[in-house]
């Protein structure tokens, strides 16, 4: 299955933290459904 992950990092004092995380799959614009059966 294809999936895209996008973490958003923020520096706090002396370290980095993930403040947001987003995952998505390809979708069919006609039906609006996620296409979870696609293979790379």
PDB file of N, CA and C in Angstrom:
ATOM      1  N   UNK A   1       0.845  -1.179   0.000  1.00  0.00           N
ATOM      2  CA  UNK A   1       0.000   0.000   0.000  1.00  0.00           C
ATOM      3  C   UNK A   1       0.889   1.242   0.000  1.00  0.00           C
ATOM      4  N   UNK A   2       0.517   2.228  -0.759  1.00  0.00           N
ATOM      5  CA  UNK A   2       1.237   3.498  -0.772  1.00  0.00           C
ATOM      6  C   UNK A   2       0.696   4.392   0.333  1.00  0.00           C
ATOM      7  N   UNK A   3       1.586   5.039   1.029  1.00  0.00           N
ATOM      8  CA  UNK A   3       1.177   6.001   2.052  1.00  0.00           C
ATOM      9  C   UNK A   3       2.223   7.107   2.111  1.00  0.00           C
ATOM     10  N   UNK A   4       1.781   8.304   2.381  1.00  0.00           N
ATOM     11  CA  UNK A   4       2.703   9.423   2.519  1.00  0.00           C
ATOM     12  C   UNK A   4       2.598   9.948   3.939  1.00  0.00           C
ATOM     13  N   UNK A   5       3.729  10.124   4.580  1.00  0.00           N
ATOM     14  CA  UNK A   5       3.762  10.642   5.951  1.00  0.00           C
ATOM     15  C   UNK A   5       4.534  11.964   5.959  1.00  0.00           C
ATOM     16  N   UNK A   6       3.992  12.936   6.663  1.00  0.00           N
ATOM     17  CA  UNK A   6       4.619  14.247   6.759  1.00  0.00           C
ATOM     18  C   UNK A   6       4.672  14.673   8.218  1.00  0.00           C
ATOM     19  N   UNK A   7       5.843  14.577   8.851  1.00  0.00           N
ATOM     20  CA  UNK A   7       5.952  15.081  10.223  1.00  0.00           C
ATOM     21  C   UNK A   7       6.338  16.571  10.206  1.00  0.00           C
ATOM     22  N   UNK A   8       5.785  17.324  11.126  1.00  0.00           N
ATOM     23  CA  UNK A   8       6.127  18.740  11.283  1.00  0.00           C
ATOM     24  C   UNK A   8       6.898  18.871  12.593  1.00  0.00           C
ATOM     25  N   UNK A   9       8.127  19.360  12.480  1.00  0.00           N
ATOM     26  CA  UNK A   9       9.023  19.466  13.634  1.00  0.00           C
ATOM     27  C   UNK A   9       9.110  20.904  14.117  1.00  0.00           C
ATOM     28  N   UNK A  10       9.292  21.079  15.427  1.00  0.00           N
ATOM     29  CA  UNK A  10       9.506  22.398  16.023  1.00  0.00           C
ATOM     30  C   UNK A  10      10.653  22.291  17.017  1.00  0.00           C
ATOM     31  N   UNK A  11      11.539  23.253  16.943  1.00  0.00           N
ATOM     32  CA  UNK A  11      12.653  23.256  17.886  1.00  0.00           C
ATOM     33  C   UNK A  11      12.209  23.920  19.189  1.00  0.00           C
ATOM     34  N   UNK A  12      12.452  23.241  20.302  1.00  0.00           N
ATOM     35  CA  UNK A  12      12.135  23.783  21.623  1.00  0.00           C
ATOM     36  C   UNK A  12      13.394  23.733  22.463  1.00  0.00           C
ATOM     37  N   UNK A  13      13.824  24.864  22.910  1.00  0.00           N
ATOM     38  CA  UNK A  13      15.069  24.973  23.679  1.00  0.00           C
ATOM     39  C   UNK A  13      16.210  24.272  22.945  1.00  0.00           C
ATOM     40  N   UNK A  14      16.610  23.089  23.410  1.00  0.00           N
ATOM     41  CA  UNK A  14      17.752  22.405  22.799  1.00  0.00           C
ATOM     42  C   UNK A  14      17.382  21.104  22.094  1.00  0.00           C
ATOM     43  N   UNK A  15      16.102  20.889  21.862  1.00  0.00           N
ATOM     44  CA  UNK A  15      15.700  19.642  21.207  1.00  0.00           C
ATOM     45  C   UNK A  15      14.629  19.914  20.148  1.00  0.00           C
ATOM     46  N   UNK A  16      14.343  18.904  19.372  1.00  0.00           N
ATOM     47  CA  UNK A  16      13.300  18.968  18.356  1.00  0.00           C
ATOM     48  C   UNK A  16      12.140  18.079  18.774  1.00  0.00           C
ATOM     49  N   UNK A  17      10.903  18.533  18.484  1.00  0.00           N
ATOM     50  CA  UNK A  17       9.699  17.767  18.804  1.00  0.00           C
ATOM     51  C   UNK A  17       8.801  17.713  17.578  1.00  0.00           C
ATOM     52  N   UNK A  18       8.148  16.570  17.370  1.00  0.00           N
ATOM     53  CA  UNK A  18       7.122  16.502  16.337  1.00  0.00           C
ATOM     54  C   UNK A  18       5.858  17.124  16.912  1.00  0.00           C
ATOM     55  N   UNK A  19       5.366  18.189  16.271  1.00  0.00           N
ATOM     56  CA  UNK A  19       4.176  18.880  16.764  1.00  0.00           C
ATOM     57  C   UNK A  19       2.937  18.555  15.935  1.00  0.00           C
ATOM     58  N   UNK A  20       3.144  17.938  14.764  1.00  0.00           N
ATOM     59  CA  UNK A  20       2.014  17.517  13.931  1.00  0.00           C
ATOM     60  C   UNK A  20       2.489  16.389  13.034  1.00  0.00           C
ATOM     61  N   UNK A  21       1.620  15.427  12.783  1.00  0.00           N
ATOM     62  CA  UNK A  21       1.955  14.299  11.924  1.00  0.00           C
ATOM     63  C   UNK A  21       0.752  14.020  11.040  1.00  0.00           C
ATOM     64  N   UNK A  22       0.983  13.900   9.737  1.00  0.00           N
ATOM     65  CA  UNK A  22      -0.120  13.674   8.805  1.00  0.00           C
ATOM     66  C   UNK A  22       0.216  12.502   7.901  1.00  0.00           C
ATOM     67  N   UNK A  23      -0.721  11.565   7.760  1.00  0.00           N
ATOM     68  CA  UNK A  23      -0.575  10.452   6.832  1.00  0.00           C
ATOM     69  C   UNK A  23      -1.722  10.504   5.837  1.00  0.00           C
ATOM     70  N   UNK A  24      -1.419  10.137   4.582  1.00  0.00           N
ATOM     71  CA  UNK A  24      -2.469  10.108   3.563  1.00  0.00           C
ATOM     72  C   UNK A  24      -2.187   8.998   2.561  1.00  0.00           C
ATOM     73  N   UNK A  25      -3.244   8.563   1.895  1.00  0.00           N
ATOM     74  CA  UNK A  25      -3.152   7.565   0.835  1.00  0.00           C
ATOM     75  C   UNK A  25      -3.669   8.206  -0.450  1.00  0.00           C
ATOM     76  N   UNK A  26      -3.281   7.660  -1.621  1.00  0.00           N
ATOM     77  CA  UNK A  26      -3.840   8.184  -2.872  1.00  0.00           C
ATOM     78  C   UNK A  26      -5.370   8.033  -2.866  1.00  0.00           C
ATOM     79  N   UNK A  27      -6.050   8.891  -3.598  1.00  0.00           N
ATOM     80  CA  UNK A  27      -7.504   8.829  -3.617  1.00  0.00           C
ATOM     81  C   UNK A  27      -8.025   9.022  -5.030  1.00  0.00           C
ATOM     82  N   UNK A  28      -9.240   8.555  -5.241  1.00  0.00           N
ATOM     83  CA  UNK A  28      -9.909   8.675  -6.533  1.00  0.00           C
ATOM     84  C   UNK A  28     -10.763   9.943  -6.496  1.00  0.00           C
ATOM     85  N   UNK A  29     -10.439  10.954  -7.311  1.00  0.00           N
ATOM     86  CA  UNK A  29     -11.198  12.208  -7.256  1.00  0.00           C
ATOM     87  C   UNK A  29     -12.655  12.069  -7.716  1.00  0.00           C
ATOM     88  N   UNK A  30     -12.960  11.023  -8.465  1.00  0.00           N
ATOM     89  CA  UNK A  30     -14.339  10.812  -8.928  1.00  0.00           C
ATOM     90  C   UNK A  30     -15.209  10.304  -7.789  1.00  0.00           C
ATOM     91  N   UNK A  31     -14.709   9.299  -7.050  1.00  0.00           N
ATOM     92  CA  UNK A  31     -15.511   8.705  -5.977  1.00  0.00           C
ATOM     93  C   UNK A  31     -15.209   9.301  -4.604  1.00  0.00           C
ATOM     94  N   UNK A  32     -14.031   9.915  -4.458  1.00  0.00           N
ATOM     95  CA  UNK A  32     -13.630  10.442  -3.151  1.00  0.00           C
ATOM     96  C   UNK A  32     -13.109   9.372  -2.209  1.00  0.00           C
ATOM     97  N   UNK A  33     -12.942   8.157  -2.691  1.00  0.00           N
ATOM     98  CA  UNK A  33     -12.496   7.035  -1.866  1.00  0.00           C
ATOM     99  C   UNK A  33     -10.973   6.905  -1.885  1.00  0.00           C
ATOM    100  N   UNK A  34     -10.411   6.483  -0.756  1.00  0.00           N
ATOM    101  CA  UNK A  34      -8.992   6.189  -0.691  1.00  0.00           C
ATOM    102  C   UNK A  34      -8.695   4.921  -1.475  1.00  0.00           C
ATOM    103  N   UNK A  35      -7.556   4.905  -2.160  1.00  0.00           N
ATOM    104  CA  UNK A  35      -7.161   3.750  -2.963  1.00  0.00           C
ATOM    105  C   UNK A  35      -6.086   2.964  -2.212  1.00  0.00           C
ATOM    106  N   UNK A  36      -6.531   2.101  -1.318  1.00  0.00           N
ATOM    107  CA  UNK A  36      -5.599   1.367  -0.456  1.00  0.00           C
ATOM    108  C   UNK A  36      -5.092   0.077  -1.085  1.00  0.00           C
ATOM    109  N   UNK A  37      -5.563  -0.278  -2.287  1.00  0.00           N
ATOM    110  CA  UNK A  37      -5.128  -1.521  -2.920  1.00  0.00           C
ATOM    111  C   UNK A  37      -4.058  -1.303  -3.985  1.00  0.00           C
ATOM    112  N   UNK A  38      -3.607  -0.071  -4.176  1.00  0.00           N
ATOM    113  CA  UNK A  38      -2.560   0.197  -5.163  1.00  0.00           C
ATOM    114  C   UNK A  38      -1.234  -0.401  -4.705  1.00  0.00           C
ATOM    115  N   UNK A  39      -0.423  -0.820  -5.653  1.00  0.00           N
ATOM    116  CA  UNK A  39       0.912  -1.337  -5.339  1.00  0.00           C
ATOM    117  C   UNK A  39       1.949  -0.459  -6.011  1.00  0.00           C
ATOM    118  N   UNK A  40       3.087  -0.223  -5.363  1.00  0.00           N
ATOM    119  CA  UNK A  40       4.141   0.589  -5.965  1.00  0.00           C
ATOM    120  C   UNK A  40       4.704  -0.045  -7.229  1.00  0.00           C
TER     121      UNK A  40
END
